[in-house]
Amino acid sequence: MDINQMNEIEEVAEAVEEKFEWPQAYYLPTDGEERKQALDKAIAKGLEPEKNQIRKEIWERRYGEQEGVDRFLTGWLNLSYYANIVRNNFMAKFHKNEMEQTQKYLCYDIVKKYGKAGEEVLFMELYHMADFYIDICLRDKKYGGVILGLGTMKEEKLVEKIASDIYRVSYCVPPVLGIMDEHDLLAKAAVQCYYNRFPRAKESLDKLLDEN
């Protein structure tokens, strides 16, 4: 095999790697540093320059502000907290600053800044966050525990609880906090993630959406 043939094989191998590993390689890990390494590699290869620039900006805001902290997950948990305590517009006024911070965490302004490309990248990032959250719920014994710690929920009940969380965060909080338009992308990403993770339990979330 001569040098030209070897170069051609290497070029084909690299093209196959790029085609099948990106951007999947960025959305499979949950560790921020591991994701950054994958992103840096893709940027060095010149893959999806516009979208990778957006991914880089989102990464900085999701992981870069405080080491070891996932701001997207923090934002989701804040919204889950609001779902339990904020029942009307009057109460929402007391959480105005926190609400604005949560919107910053979740990078809603990226869509206005980058348009369609920003919307596509942010959707995937929010989907990634929802998928990570579901994994945490499935592993966390406290989340799946029953009253007084006397056991754990059956899988069916656990999935129903996850469906309820996604419904409340996606559709109960936004109207009260006045963030319907901004929150729409997160709602779509979280619901789609649930459907993909639990196709046989789709009706658990559909029932909540239909009833309300």
Protein backbone atom coordinates (compact mmCIF):
# COMPACT_ATOMS: atom_id res chain seq x y z
CA MET A 1 0.00 0.00 0.00
CA ASP A 2 1.55 3.30 -1.06
CA ILE A 3 1.48 6.59 0.81
CA ASN A 4 -1.35 8.01 -1.32
CA GLN A 5 -3.61 5.04 -0.56
CA MET A 6 -2.84 5.36 3.15
CA ASN A 7 -3.70 9.06 3.08
CA GLU A 8 -6.98 8.33 1.31
CA ILE A 9 -7.91 5.72 3.92
CA GLU A 10 -7.10 8.14 6.73
CA GLU A 11 -9.20 10.85 5.10
CA VAL A 12 -12.15 8.47 4.70
CA ALA A 13 -11.79 7.30 8.31
CA GLU A 14 -11.73 10.90 9.54
CA ALA A 15 -14.79 11.78 7.46
CA VAL A 16 -16.68 8.79 8.89
CA GLU A 17 -15.67 9.79 12.42
CA GLU A 18 -16.89 13.35 11.91
CA LYS A 19 -20.14 12.25 10.30
CA PHE A 20 -21.16 9.78 12.97
CA GLU A 21 -19.56 11.19 16.12
CA TRP A 22 -20.50 14.85 15.90
CA PRO A 23 -22.56 16.31 17.41
CA GLN A 24 -23.51 13.05 19.18
CA ALA A 25 -20.19 13.09 21.03
CA TYR A 26 -21.22 16.35 22.66
CA TYR A 27 -24.66 15.27 23.83
CA LEU A 28 -23.81 11.86 25.28
CA PRO A 29 -21.59 12.90 28.26
CA THR A 30 -23.09 14.67 31.27
CA ASP A 31 -19.80 15.89 32.75
CA GLY A 32 -19.10 19.49 31.78
CA GLU A 33 -15.35 19.07 31.27
CA GLU A 34 -15.79 15.98 29.14
CA ARG A 35 -18.26 17.85 26.97
CA LYS A 36 -15.86 20.78 26.65
CA GLN A 37 -13.10 18.48 25.44
CA ALA A 38 -15.41 17.11 22.75
CA LEU A 39 -16.44 20.63 21.75
CA ASP A 40 -12.84 21.88 21.59
CA LYS A 41 -11.96 18.93 19.37
CA ALA A 42 -14.86 19.67 17.02
CA ILE A 43 -13.92 23.35 16.84
CA ALA A 44 -10.31 22.45 16.03
CA LYS A 45 -11.59 20.28 13.17
CA GLY A 46 -13.77 23.09 11.86
CA LEU A 47 -17.03 21.21 12.33
CA GLU A 48 -20.27 23.24 12.37
CA PRO A 49 -18.50 26.56 13.08
CA GLU A 50 -21.66 28.63 13.64
CA LYS A 51 -23.39 26.10 15.89
CA ASN A 52 -20.19 25.33 17.77
CA GLN A 53 -19.73 29.01 18.53
CA ILE A 54 -23.22 28.96 20.05
CA ARG A 55 -22.47 25.74 21.91
CA LYS A 56 -19.32 27.33 23.32
CA GLU A 57 -21.24 30.36 24.59
CA ILE A 58 -23.90 28.16 26.15
CA TRP A 59 -21.24 25.94 27.72
CA GLU A 60 -19.61 28.95 29.38
CA ARG A 61 -22.90 30.00 30.90
CA ARG A 62 -23.96 26.49 31.87
CA TYR A 63 -20.70 25.27 33.40
CA GLY A 64 -18.15 28.06 33.34
CA GLU A 65 -19.46 30.53 35.91
CA GLN A 66 -18.85 28.27 38.92
CA GLU A 67 -16.77 25.11 38.92
CA GLY A 68 -18.79 21.96 39.49
CA VAL A 69 -22.15 23.70 39.06
CA ASP A 70 -24.56 22.92 36.22
CA ARG A 71 -26.55 26.15 35.77
CA PHE A 72 -29.14 24.49 33.53
CA LEU A 73 -29.91 21.92 36.19
CA THR A 74 -30.02 24.71 38.78
CA GLY A 75 -32.49 26.59 36.62
CA TRP A 76 -34.71 23.53 36.26
CA LEU A 77 -34.68 22.90 40.02
CA ASN A 78 -35.56 26.55 40.64
CA LEU A 79 -38.55 26.22 38.34
CA SER A 80 -39.57 23.02 40.10
CA TYR A 81 -39.39 24.92 43.40
CA TYR A 82 -41.53 27.74 41.99
CA ALA A 83 -44.09 25.16 40.87
CA ASN A 84 -44.64 24.23 44.51
CA ILE A 85 -44.75 27.70 46.07
CA VAL A 86 -45.84 30.25 43.46
CA ARG A 87 -49.58 30.08 42.94
CA ASN A 88 -50.46 33.52 41.61
CA ASN A 89 -49.04 36.70 40.11
CA PHE A 90 -48.88 38.42 43.50
CA MET A 91 -46.58 35.73 44.88
CA ALA A 92 -44.53 35.79 41.68
CA LYS A 93 -43.54 39.41 42.36
CA PHE A 94 -41.54 38.25 45.39
CA HIS A 95 -39.48 35.99 43.15
CA LYS A 96 -38.90 38.42 40.29
CA ASN A 97 -35.11 38.60 40.70
CA GLU A 98 -34.80 34.84 41.08
CA MET A 99 -36.97 34.35 38.01
CA GLU A 100 -34.78 36.65 35.93
CA GLN A 101 -31.67 34.81 37.11
CA THR A 102 -33.23 31.48 36.19
CA GLN A 103 -33.97 32.71 32.67
CA LYS A 104 -30.34 33.78 32.39
CA TYR A 105 -29.20 30.34 33.55
CA LEU A 106 -31.29 28.70 30.83
CA CYS A 107 -29.94 30.98 28.05
CA TYR A 108 -33.34 31.98 26.66
CA ASP A 109 -31.74 35.05 25.10
CA ILE A 110 -29.64 32.84 22.79
CA VAL A 111 -32.59 32.47 20.42
CA LYS A 112 -32.93 36.24 19.99
CA LYS A 113 -29.20 36.59 19.53
CA TYR A 114 -28.64 33.80 16.98
CA GLY A 115 -32.06 33.13 15.45
CA LYS A 116 -32.83 29.70 14.00
CA ALA A 117 -29.37 28.27 14.66
CA GLY A 118 -29.58 29.45 18.27
CA GLU A 119 -32.99 27.85 18.66
CA GLU A 120 -31.76 24.50 17.33
CA VAL A 121 -28.67 24.43 19.54
CA LEU A 122 -30.52 25.60 22.65
CA PHE A 123 -33.24 22.98 22.10
CA MET A 124 -30.60 20.23 22.06
CA GLU A 125 -28.95 21.65 25.19
CA LEU A 126 -32.27 21.82 27.04
CA TYR A 127 -33.06 18.30 25.87
CA HIS A 128 -29.67 17.19 27.21
CA MET A 129 -30.46 18.80 30.56
CA ALA A 130 -33.89 17.12 30.74
CA ASP A 131 -32.34 13.76 29.92
CA PHE A 132 -29.74 14.27 32.65
CA TYR A 133 -32.47 15.24 35.12
CA ILE A 134 -34.44 12.08 34.33
CA ASP A 135 -31.32 9.98 34.91
CA ILE A 136 -30.86 11.62 38.32
CA CYS A 137 -34.49 10.95 39.25
CA LEU A 138 -34.20 7.29 38.28
CA ARG A 139 -31.03 6.84 40.38
CA ASP A 140 -31.91 8.98 43.40
CA LYS A 141 -33.33 6.84 46.21
CA LYS A 142 -34.81 9.89 47.92
CA TYR A 143 -36.68 10.91 44.78
CA GLY A 144 -38.13 7.44 44.40
CA GLY A 145 -38.72 6.90 48.12
CA VAL A 146 -42.13 6.51 49.71
CA ILE A 147 -43.34 8.22 52.86
CA LEU A 148 -41.19 7.73 55.99
CA GLY A 149 -38.56 5.98 53.87
CA LEU A 150 -40.47 2.68 54.03
CA GLY A 151 -39.36 1.49 50.61
CA THR A 152 -39.15 2.80 47.06
CA MET A 153 -41.70 3.46 44.36
CA LYS A 154 -42.46 0.90 41.73
CA GLU A 155 -41.14 1.84 38.31
CA GLU A 156 -44.60 2.80 37.03
CA LYS A 157 -45.17 5.24 39.89
CA LEU A 158 -41.68 6.65 39.54
CA VAL A 159 -42.24 7.39 35.85
CA GLU A 160 -45.58 9.01 36.69
CA LYS A 161 -43.83 11.26 39.20
CA ILE A 162 -41.30 12.30 36.56
CA ALA A 163 -44.17 13.03 34.16
CA SER A 164 -45.80 15.22 36.82
CA ASP A 165 -42.55 17.14 37.39
CA ILE A 166 -42.09 17.78 33.69
CA TYR A 167 -45.70 18.90 33.32
CA ARG A 168 -45.57 21.30 36.29
CA VAL A 169 -42.26 22.88 35.28
CA SER A 170 -43.19 23.10 31.60
CA TYR A 171 -46.80 24.27 31.80
CA CYS A 172 -47.79 25.37 35.33
CA VAL A 173 -44.97 27.76 36.19
CA PRO A 174 -44.64 29.84 32.99
CA PRO A 175 -48.08 31.52 33.03
CA VAL A 176 -47.66 32.68 36.62
CA LEU A 177 -44.11 33.91 36.10
CA GLY A 178 -45.00 35.56 32.78
CA ILE A 179 -42.43 33.66 30.70
CA MET A 180 -44.67 31.75 28.29
CA ASP A 181 -42.83 32.61 25.07
CA GLU A 182 -39.34 32.28 26.51
CA HIS A 183 -40.17 28.98 28.17
CA ASP A 184 -41.74 27.32 25.13
CA LEU A 185 -38.49 25.75 23.93
CA LEU A 186 -37.76 24.19 27.32
CA ALA A 187 -41.29 22.77 27.48
CA LYS A 188 -40.94 21.18 24.04
CA ALA A 189 -37.49 19.76 24.83
CA ALA A 190 -38.54 18.30 28.20
CA VAL A 191 -41.73 16.74 26.85
CA GLN A 192 -39.95 15.27 23.82
CA CYS A 193 -37.24 13.86 26.08
CA TYR A 194 -39.85 12.21 28.30
CA TYR A 195 -41.58 10.66 25.29
CA ASN A 196 -38.30 9.29 23.98
CA ARG A 197 -37.24 7.90 27.35
CA PHE A 198 -40.61 6.37 28.24
CA PRO A 199 -42.50 5.58 25.02
CA ARG A 200 -44.69 3.03 26.82
CA ALA A 201 -45.64 5.56 29.49
CA LYS A 202 -46.47 8.37 27.08
CA GLU A 203 -50.05 8.42 28.35
CA SER A 204 -48.92 9.46 31.85
CA LEU A 205 -47.83 12.85 30.52
CA ASP A 206 -50.52 13.05 27.82
CA LYS A 207 -53.21 12.68 30.48
CA LEU A 208 -51.88 15.67 32.41
CA LEU A 209 -51.63 17.78 29.26
CA ASP A 210 -55.15 16.82 28.12
CA GLU A 211 -56.76 17.43 31.51
CA ASN A 212 -55.18 20.86 31.90
